[in-house]
Amino acid sequence: MYKLLILFIFSSFEILACGDVKGFSPFAINHQAQNKSEHEMIEYEILSPIQKGDEFLSSVTARIKGEFIVNLDIRDDHNYVGEYYSSYLSIAKKHINDTEIILSYNTTKKDRSTVIFCANWNVYKLKELLAFEPAEVAPPPPPRLPDSK
C-alpha cells in the first residue's frame, strides 16, 4: 500500500493524463480596448482547440489566485483555420500578468455529455496566450445564391 502511495506522489500529472498533447495550440487575442486608461476593461478572446488527442474541451476557466475563479462560456469559432472554441473575458489591463486561463480536456464527446477523470488540463497565463502565434484566419464563406421563387 505504501509503495503505491509513494508511486503516486512521485508521478507527474502527465503520467496520470489521458491522451496526447501533440498539435495543441491555444492562443488569445486582445479583442478590443474600450479605453486606454490602466483601470478600464479590455476584452480578450481566448481560442482553444476543440480536441486534444482523444479528449474534447470540457471547460475554460479564468482565475486570479485569491481574487476570483470564473468558468467561461464556450462557443464554436469559425474565424480561424482549424477547429477552435472561443471564450471571452473582460478584465482591467493591470490584471493581464496575474490572470490564469485553465483549459480542461475531460470528456470523450464533443457535446460534453461524458466526463472522464484524468488530469487533462493546462494552465496558461493570459499574457502567455497573447504571445502565442494565432492560427491562420479562415477565408470568408462563399456568397449565398439569391432565393429563386
N, C-alpha and C. Protein backbone atom coordinates (compact mmCIF):
# COMPACT_ATOMS: atom_id res chain seq x y z
N MET A 1 0.82 -1.19 0.00
CA MET A 1 0.00 0.00 0.00
C MET A 1 0.87 1.26 0.00
N TYR A 2 1.90 1.26 0.86
CA TYR A 2 2.77 2.43 0.93
C TYR A 2 3.55 2.63 -0.36
N LYS A 3 3.92 1.53 -1.01
CA LYS A 3 4.65 1.64 -2.28
C LYS A 3 3.78 2.29 -3.34
N LEU A 4 2.51 1.94 -3.35
CA LEU A 4 1.58 2.54 -4.30
C LEU A 4 1.40 4.03 -4.03
N LEU A 5 1.30 4.40 -2.77
CA LEU A 5 1.18 5.80 -2.39
C LEU A 5 2.42 6.58 -2.80
N ILE A 6 3.59 6.03 -2.57
CA ILE A 6 4.84 6.69 -2.96
C ILE A 6 4.91 6.83 -4.47
N LEU A 7 4.46 5.82 -5.21
CA LEU A 7 4.44 5.89 -6.67
C LEU A 7 3.58 7.05 -7.14
N PHE A 8 2.40 7.24 -6.53
CA PHE A 8 1.53 8.34 -6.92
C PHE A 8 2.13 9.70 -6.56
N ILE A 9 2.81 9.77 -5.45
CA ILE A 9 3.42 11.04 -5.03
C ILE A 9 4.50 11.47 -6.02
N PHE A 10 5.30 10.52 -6.48
CA PHE A 10 6.39 10.87 -7.38
C PHE A 10 5.99 10.86 -8.85
N SER A 11 4.77 10.50 -9.14
CA SER A 11 4.30 10.53 -10.53
C SER A 11 3.94 11.95 -10.91
N SER A 12 4.23 12.30 -12.13
CA SER A 12 3.82 13.63 -12.60
C SER A 12 2.38 13.55 -13.09
N PHE A 13 1.75 14.71 -13.24
CA PHE A 13 0.38 14.74 -13.74
C PHE A 13 0.31 14.26 -15.18
N GLU A 14 1.40 14.36 -15.94
CA GLU A 14 1.38 13.88 -17.31
C GLU A 14 1.21 12.38 -17.37
N ILE A 15 1.74 11.66 -16.38
CA ILE A 15 1.55 10.22 -16.34
C ILE A 15 0.08 9.90 -16.09
N LEU A 16 -0.58 10.70 -15.27
CA LEU A 16 -1.98 10.47 -14.97
C LEU A 16 -2.90 10.96 -16.07
N ALA A 17 -2.41 11.81 -16.96
CA ALA A 17 -3.23 12.36 -18.02
C ALA A 17 -3.54 11.29 -19.06
N CYS A 18 -4.71 11.41 -19.65
CA CYS A 18 -5.10 10.51 -20.73
C CYS A 18 -4.93 11.28 -22.03
N GLY A 19 -4.36 10.67 -23.04
CA GLY A 19 -4.27 11.32 -24.34
C GLY A 19 -2.93 11.96 -24.58
N ASP A 20 -2.79 12.47 -25.78
CA ASP A 20 -1.55 13.04 -26.29
C ASP A 20 -1.70 14.56 -26.40
N VAL A 21 -0.60 15.29 -26.28
CA VAL A 21 -0.66 16.74 -26.34
C VAL A 21 -0.16 17.30 -27.67
N LYS A 22 0.11 16.46 -28.65
CA LYS A 22 0.62 16.95 -29.93
C LYS A 22 -0.44 17.78 -30.64
N GLY A 23 -0.02 18.83 -31.33
CA GLY A 23 -0.93 19.66 -32.09
C GLY A 23 -1.78 20.58 -31.24
N PHE A 24 -1.37 20.84 -30.03
CA PHE A 24 -2.14 21.64 -29.08
C PHE A 24 -1.66 23.08 -29.16
N SER A 25 -2.52 23.98 -29.62
CA SER A 25 -2.06 25.35 -29.82
C SER A 25 -3.13 26.39 -29.49
N PRO A 26 -3.41 26.62 -28.21
CA PRO A 26 -4.34 27.68 -27.86
C PRO A 26 -3.68 29.04 -28.04
N PHE A 27 -4.50 30.08 -28.13
CA PHE A 27 -3.97 31.44 -28.20
C PHE A 27 -5.05 32.41 -27.77
N ALA A 28 -4.68 33.67 -27.57
CA ALA A 28 -5.63 34.71 -27.18
C ALA A 28 -5.38 35.95 -28.02
N ILE A 29 -6.42 36.75 -28.14
CA ILE A 29 -6.35 37.98 -28.93
C ILE A 29 -6.89 39.12 -28.08
N ASN A 30 -6.18 40.24 -28.10
CA ASN A 30 -6.67 41.46 -27.48
C ASN A 30 -7.77 41.95 -28.40
N HIS A 31 -9.02 41.66 -28.04
CA HIS A 31 -10.14 41.85 -28.97
C HIS A 31 -10.48 43.31 -29.19
N GLN A 32 -10.57 44.08 -28.12
CA GLN A 32 -10.83 45.50 -28.30
C GLN A 32 -10.55 46.24 -27.00
N ALA A 33 -9.94 47.37 -27.12
CA ALA A 33 -9.69 48.20 -25.95
C ALA A 33 -10.79 49.25 -25.89
N GLN A 34 -11.48 49.33 -24.76
CA GLN A 34 -12.57 50.30 -24.64
C GLN A 34 -12.04 51.67 -24.22
N ASN A 35 -10.89 51.70 -23.56
CA ASN A 35 -10.30 52.95 -23.13
C ASN A 35 -8.84 52.67 -22.83
N LYS A 36 -7.97 53.61 -23.06
CA LYS A 36 -6.54 53.37 -22.86
C LYS A 36 -6.10 53.54 -21.41
N SER A 37 -7.01 53.85 -20.52
CA SER A 37 -6.68 54.01 -19.11
C SER A 37 -6.28 52.66 -18.50
N GLU A 38 -5.41 52.69 -17.53
CA GLU A 38 -4.94 51.47 -16.85
C GLU A 38 -6.09 50.74 -16.15
N HIS A 39 -7.14 51.45 -15.74
CA HIS A 39 -8.21 50.84 -14.95
C HIS A 39 -9.41 50.41 -15.79
N GLU A 40 -9.41 50.71 -17.06
CA GLU A 40 -10.55 50.33 -17.89
C GLU A 40 -10.45 48.88 -18.31
N MET A 41 -11.57 48.34 -18.71
CA MET A 41 -11.65 46.94 -19.11
C MET A 41 -11.18 46.74 -20.55
N ILE A 42 -10.51 45.62 -20.76
CA ILE A 42 -10.10 45.21 -22.10
C ILE A 42 -10.68 43.82 -22.32
N GLU A 43 -11.27 43.62 -23.49
CA GLU A 43 -11.87 42.32 -23.81
C GLU A 43 -10.86 41.45 -24.54
N TYR A 44 -10.75 40.21 -24.09
CA TYR A 44 -9.85 39.24 -24.70
C TYR A 44 -10.66 38.07 -25.21
N GLU A 45 -10.27 37.56 -26.34
CA GLU A 45 -10.87 36.36 -26.90
C GLU A 45 -9.87 35.23 -26.73
N ILE A 46 -10.27 34.17 -26.05
CA ILE A 46 -9.41 33.00 -25.85
C ILE A 46 -9.88 31.93 -26.82
N LEU A 47 -8.97 31.44 -27.66
CA LEU A 47 -9.31 30.40 -28.62
C LEU A 47 -8.61 29.11 -28.23
N SER A 48 -9.40 28.07 -28.03
CA SER A 48 -8.90 26.78 -27.55
C SER A 48 -9.21 25.71 -28.58
N PRO A 49 -8.24 24.85 -28.90
CA PRO A 49 -8.55 23.73 -29.81
C PRO A 49 -9.68 22.88 -29.22
N ILE A 50 -10.59 22.47 -30.08
CA ILE A 50 -11.74 21.68 -29.64
C ILE A 50 -11.30 20.33 -29.09
N GLN A 51 -10.27 19.75 -29.69
CA GLN A 51 -9.86 18.40 -29.31
C GLN A 51 -8.37 18.36 -29.02
N LYS A 52 -8.01 17.58 -28.01
CA LYS A 52 -6.60 17.33 -27.66
C LYS A 52 -6.46 15.82 -27.53
N GLY A 53 -5.83 15.19 -28.50
CA GLY A 53 -5.75 13.73 -28.51
C GLY A 53 -7.13 13.15 -28.72
N ASP A 54 -7.54 12.25 -27.83
CA ASP A 54 -8.87 11.64 -27.92
C ASP A 54 -9.91 12.39 -27.09
N GLU A 55 -9.50 13.41 -26.37
CA GLU A 55 -10.40 14.13 -25.49
C GLU A 55 -10.81 15.47 -26.09
N PHE A 56 -11.98 15.95 -25.65
CA PHE A 56 -12.52 17.22 -26.12
C PHE A 56 -12.51 18.23 -24.98
N LEU A 57 -12.51 19.51 -25.36
CA LEU A 57 -12.52 20.59 -24.38
C LEU A 57 -13.79 20.50 -23.55
N SER A 58 -13.65 20.48 -22.25
CA SER A 58 -14.82 20.40 -21.37
C SER A 58 -15.09 21.72 -20.66
N SER A 59 -14.05 22.52 -20.41
CA SER A 59 -14.28 23.80 -19.75
C SER A 59 -13.08 24.73 -19.93
N VAL A 60 -13.38 26.02 -19.85
CA VAL A 60 -12.36 27.07 -19.85
C VAL A 60 -12.63 27.91 -18.61
N THR A 61 -11.61 28.06 -17.78
CA THR A 61 -11.75 28.77 -16.52
C THR A 61 -10.72 29.89 -16.45
N ALA A 62 -11.14 31.04 -15.97
CA ALA A 62 -10.22 32.16 -15.73
C ALA A 62 -10.12 32.35 -14.22
N ARG A 63 -8.90 32.65 -13.75
CA ARG A 63 -8.75 32.90 -12.32
C ARG A 63 -7.58 33.85 -12.06
N ILE A 64 -7.74 34.58 -10.99
CA ILE A 64 -6.65 35.31 -10.37
C ILE A 64 -6.61 34.76 -8.95
N LYS A 65 -5.50 34.13 -8.59
CA LYS A 65 -5.41 33.46 -7.29
C LYS A 65 -5.76 34.44 -6.17
N GLY A 66 -6.66 34.00 -5.31
CA GLY A 66 -7.08 34.81 -4.18
C GLY A 66 -8.10 35.88 -4.52
N GLU A 67 -8.46 36.02 -5.80
CA GLU A 67 -9.41 37.06 -6.21
C GLU A 67 -10.70 36.47 -6.78
N PHE A 68 -10.59 35.65 -7.83
CA PHE A 68 -11.78 35.07 -8.44
C PHE A 68 -11.42 33.83 -9.26
N ILE A 69 -12.44 32.99 -9.45
CA ILE A 69 -12.41 31.86 -10.37
C ILE A 69 -13.73 31.91 -11.12
N VAL A 70 -13.66 31.97 -12.47
CA VAL A 70 -14.86 32.09 -13.29
C VAL A 70 -14.79 31.09 -14.43
N ASN A 71 -15.86 30.30 -14.60
CA ASN A 71 -15.96 29.42 -15.76
C ASN A 71 -16.50 30.25 -16.92
N LEU A 72 -15.79 30.20 -18.05
CA LEU A 72 -16.16 31.00 -19.21
C LEU A 72 -17.06 30.21 -20.15
N ASP A 73 -17.90 30.92 -20.87
CA ASP A 73 -18.77 30.32 -21.88
C ASP A 73 -17.91 29.83 -23.04
N ILE A 74 -18.30 28.72 -23.65
CA ILE A 74 -17.56 28.15 -24.77
C ILE A 74 -18.47 28.15 -25.99
N ARG A 75 -17.97 28.71 -27.11
CA ARG A 75 -18.75 28.75 -28.35
C ARG A 75 -17.89 28.32 -29.53
N ASP A 76 -18.54 27.73 -30.54
CA ASP A 76 -17.82 27.38 -31.76
C ASP A 76 -17.26 28.63 -32.41
N ASP A 77 -16.07 28.53 -32.98
CA ASP A 77 -15.46 29.65 -33.69
C ASP A 77 -15.13 29.20 -35.10
N HIS A 78 -15.51 30.01 -36.08
CA HIS A 78 -15.25 29.68 -37.48
C HIS A 78 -14.37 30.74 -38.14
N ASN A 79 -13.75 31.60 -37.35
CA ASN A 79 -12.92 32.68 -37.90
C ASN A 79 -11.49 32.26 -38.18
N TYR A 80 -11.08 31.08 -37.71
CA TYR A 80 -9.70 30.64 -37.87
C TYR A 80 -9.66 29.25 -38.48
N VAL A 81 -8.57 28.97 -39.20
CA VAL A 81 -8.37 27.65 -39.79
C VAL A 81 -8.14 26.66 -38.65
N GLY A 82 -8.84 25.55 -38.68
CA GLY A 82 -8.79 24.57 -37.60
C GLY A 82 -10.08 24.62 -36.81
N GLU A 83 -10.18 23.74 -35.85
CA GLU A 83 -11.39 23.70 -35.02
C GLU A 83 -11.09 24.30 -33.65
N TYR A 84 -11.71 25.43 -33.37
CA TYR A 84 -11.50 26.14 -32.12
C TYR A 84 -12.82 26.47 -31.46
N TYR A 85 -12.78 26.54 -30.13
CA TYR A 85 -13.85 27.15 -29.36
C TYR A 85 -13.34 28.52 -28.93
N SER A 86 -14.25 29.48 -28.84
CA SER A 86 -13.84 30.80 -28.36
C SER A 86 -14.56 31.10 -27.05
N SER A 87 -13.86 31.84 -26.21
CA SER A 87 -14.39 32.32 -24.93
C SER A 87 -13.95 33.76 -24.80
N TYR A 88 -14.72 34.56 -24.10
CA TYR A 88 -14.40 35.97 -23.93
C TYR A 88 -14.24 36.30 -22.46
N LEU A 89 -13.32 37.21 -22.19
CA LEU A 89 -13.04 37.66 -20.83
C LEU A 89 -12.70 39.14 -20.88
N SER A 90 -13.35 39.93 -20.04
CA SER A 90 -13.03 41.36 -19.93
C SER A 90 -12.44 41.61 -18.55
N ILE A 91 -11.23 42.15 -18.53
CA ILE A 91 -10.56 42.45 -17.26
C ILE A 91 -9.81 43.77 -17.40
N ALA A 92 -9.44 44.34 -16.27
CA ALA A 92 -8.62 45.55 -16.27
C ALA A 92 -7.22 45.21 -16.76
N LYS A 93 -6.61 46.12 -17.47
CA LYS A 93 -5.28 45.91 -18.05
C LYS A 93 -4.25 45.51 -16.99
N LYS A 94 -4.40 46.02 -15.77
CA LYS A 94 -3.43 45.75 -14.72
C LYS A 94 -3.41 44.27 -14.30
N HIS A 95 -4.43 43.49 -14.69
CA HIS A 95 -4.51 42.08 -14.30
C HIS A 95 -4.00 41.11 -15.36
N ILE A 96 -3.46 41.60 -16.47
CA ILE A 96 -3.02 40.71 -17.55
C ILE A 96 -1.98 39.71 -17.06
N ASN A 97 -1.02 40.16 -16.27
CA ASN A 97 0.06 39.27 -15.80
C ASN A 97 -0.41 38.26 -14.75
N ASP A 98 -1.50 38.57 -14.04
CA ASP A 98 -1.97 37.71 -12.95
C ASP A 98 -3.05 36.72 -13.36
N THR A 99 -3.69 36.95 -14.48
CA THR A 99 -4.83 36.12 -14.89
C THR A 99 -4.35 34.80 -15.48
N GLU A 100 -4.90 33.71 -14.96
CA GLU A 100 -4.60 32.38 -15.48
C GLU A 100 -5.81 31.86 -16.23
N ILE A 101 -5.56 31.17 -17.33
CA ILE A 101 -6.60 30.52 -18.12
C ILE A 101 -6.36 29.02 -18.02
N ILE A 102 -7.36 28.28 -17.58
CA ILE A 102 -7.24 26.83 -17.41
C ILE A 102 -8.12 26.15 -18.45
N LEU A 103 -7.49 25.37 -19.32
CA LEU A 103 -8.20 24.62 -20.35
C LEU A 103 -8.28 23.17 -19.90
N SER A 104 -9.50 22.65 -19.76
CA SER A 104 -9.71 21.27 -19.30
C SER A 104 -10.23 20.42 -20.45
N TYR A 105 -9.58 19.29 -20.66
CA TYR A 105 -9.98 18.34 -21.70
C TYR A 105 -10.37 17.04 -21.00
N ASN A 106 -11.58 17.00 -20.47
CA ASN A 106 -12.02 15.88 -19.66
C ASN A 106 -13.36 15.32 -20.11
N THR A 107 -13.52 15.15 -21.42
CA THR A 107 -14.70 14.50 -21.97
C THR A 107 -14.30 13.78 -23.25
N THR A 108 -15.00 12.70 -23.54
CA THR A 108 -14.71 11.95 -24.76
C THR A 108 -15.70 12.27 -25.88
N LYS A 109 -16.64 13.17 -25.61
CA LYS A 109 -17.63 13.55 -26.63
C LYS A 109 -17.62 15.06 -26.81
N LYS A 110 -17.77 15.49 -28.06
CA LYS A 110 -17.74 16.91 -28.36
C LYS A 110 -18.86 17.67 -27.65
N ASP A 111 -20.01 17.03 -27.45
CA ASP A 111 -21.14 17.71 -26.79
C ASP A 111 -20.99 17.77 -25.27
N ARG A 112 -19.87 17.27 -24.74
CA ARG A 112 -19.53 17.30 -23.31
C ARG A 112 -20.54 16.54 -22.45
N SER A 113 -21.13 15.47 -23.00
CA SER A 113 -22.12 14.69 -22.26
C SER A 113 -21.50 13.60 -21.39
N THR A 114 -20.19 13.39 -21.51
CA THR A 114 -19.50 12.42 -20.66
C THR A 114 -18.37 13.13 -19.92
N VAL A 115 -17.94 12.53 -18.84
CA VAL A 115 -16.83 13.08 -18.07
C VAL A 115 -15.83 11.95 -17.83
N ILE A 116 -14.54 12.26 -17.98
CA ILE A 116 -13.50 11.32 -17.61
C ILE A 116 -12.67 11.97 -16.51
N PHE A 117 -12.13 11.17 -15.64
CA PHE A 117 -11.38 11.69 -14.51
C PHE A 117 -9.89 11.52 -14.76
N CYS A 118 -9.38 12.39 -15.61
CA CYS A 118 -7.95 12.42 -15.93
C CYS A 118 -7.43 13.81 -15.60
N ALA A 119 -6.15 13.93 -15.49
CA ALA A 119 -5.54 15.23 -15.21
C ALA A 119 -5.25 15.95 -16.53
N ASN A 120 -6.28 16.13 -17.33
CA ASN A 120 -6.11 16.75 -18.65
C ASN A 120 -6.45 18.23 -18.60
N TRP A 121 -5.62 19.00 -17.99
CA TRP A 121 -5.80 20.44 -18.02
C TRP A 121 -4.45 21.10 -18.23
N ASN A 122 -4.51 22.27 -18.79
CA ASN A 122 -3.33 23.09 -18.99
C ASN A 122 -3.61 24.46 -18.41
N VAL A 123 -2.65 25.00 -17.68
CA VAL A 123 -2.79 26.33 -17.08
C VAL A 123 -1.85 27.27 -17.82
N TYR A 124 -2.40 28.38 -18.31
CA TYR A 124 -1.62 29.39 -19.03
C TYR A 124 -1.87 30.74 -18.39
N LYS A 125 -0.88 31.59 -18.41
CA LYS A 125 -1.08 32.99 -18.07
C LYS A 125 -1.71 33.65 -19.30
N LEU A 126 -2.61 34.59 -19.09
CA LEU A 126 -3.24 35.28 -20.21
C LEU A 126 -2.19 35.94 -21.09
N LYS A 127 -1.18 36.52 -20.46
CA LYS A 127 -0.11 37.17 -21.23
C LYS A 127 0.62 36.16 -22.12
N GLU A 128 0.77 34.92 -21.63
CA GLU A 128 1.40 33.86 -22.41
C GLU A 128 0.55 33.51 -23.64
N LEU A 129 -0.76 33.39 -23.46
CA LEU A 129 -1.64 33.09 -24.59
C LEU A 129 -1.62 34.21 -25.62
N LEU A 130 -1.51 35.45 -25.16
CA LEU A 130 -1.44 36.58 -26.09
C LEU A 130 -0.16 36.54 -26.91
N ALA A 131 0.90 35.93 -26.37
CA ALA A 131 2.18 35.86 -27.08
C ALA A 131 2.23 34.71 -28.08
N PHE A 132 1.35 33.71 -27.93
CA PHE A 132 1.34 32.58 -28.87
C PHE A 132 0.90 33.05 -30.24
N GLU A 133 1.44 32.42 -31.26
CA GLU A 133 1.08 32.78 -32.63
C GLU A 133 -0.35 32.32 -32.91
N PRO A 134 -1.21 33.23 -33.36
CA PRO A 134 -2.59 32.84 -33.66
C PRO A 134 -2.66 31.95 -34.90
N ALA A 135 -3.74 31.19 -34.99
CA ALA A 135 -3.98 30.37 -36.17
C ALA A 135 -4.27 31.28 -37.36
N GLU A 136 -4.16 30.71 -38.53
CA GLU A 136 -4.43 31.45 -39.76
C GLU A 136 -5.92 31.79 -39.84
N VAL A 137 -6.21 33.01 -40.28
CA VAL A 137 -7.60 33.45 -40.41
C VAL A 137 -8.26 32.65 -41.53
N ALA A 138 -9.46 32.17 -41.27
CA ALA A 138 -10.19 31.37 -42.26
C ALA A 138 -10.72 32.26 -43.37
N PRO A 139 -10.78 31.75 -44.60
CA PRO A 139 -11.36 32.55 -45.69
C PRO A 139 -12.85 32.74 -45.45
N PRO A 140 -13.41 33.82 -45.98
CA PRO A 140 -14.85 34.03 -45.79
C PRO A 140 -15.65 32.95 -46.52
N PRO A 141 -16.84 32.66 -46.05
CA PRO A 141 -17.66 31.65 -46.74
C PRO A 141 -18.07 32.16 -48.12
N PRO A 142 -18.39 31.26 -49.04
CA PRO A 142 -18.81 31.70 -50.37
C PRO A 142 -20.12 32.48 -50.29
N PRO A 143 -20.35 33.38 -51.24
CA PRO A 143 -21.60 34.15 -51.21
C PRO A 143 -22.81 33.23 -51.40
N ARG A 144 -23.89 33.62 -50.80
CA ARG A 144 -25.12 32.83 -50.92
C ARG A 144 -25.82 33.17 -52.21
N LEU A 145 -26.42 32.17 -52.81
CA LEU A 145 -27.21 32.39 -54.02
C LEU A 145 -28.54 33.03 -53.64
N PRO A 146 -29.03 33.92 -54.50
CA PRO A 146 -30.34 34.53 -54.20
C PRO A 146 -31.44 33.47 -54.24
N ASP A 147 -32.42 33.66 -53.40
CA ASP A 147 -33.56 32.74 -53.38
C ASP A 147 -34.36 32.89 -54.66
N SER A 148 -34.67 31.78 -55.31
CA SER A 148 -35.49 31.85 -56.53
C SER A 148 -36.92 31.45 -56.18
N LYS A 149 -37.86 32.19 -56.74
CA LYS A 149 -39.28 31.93 -56.44
C LYS A 149 -40.01 31.52 -57.66
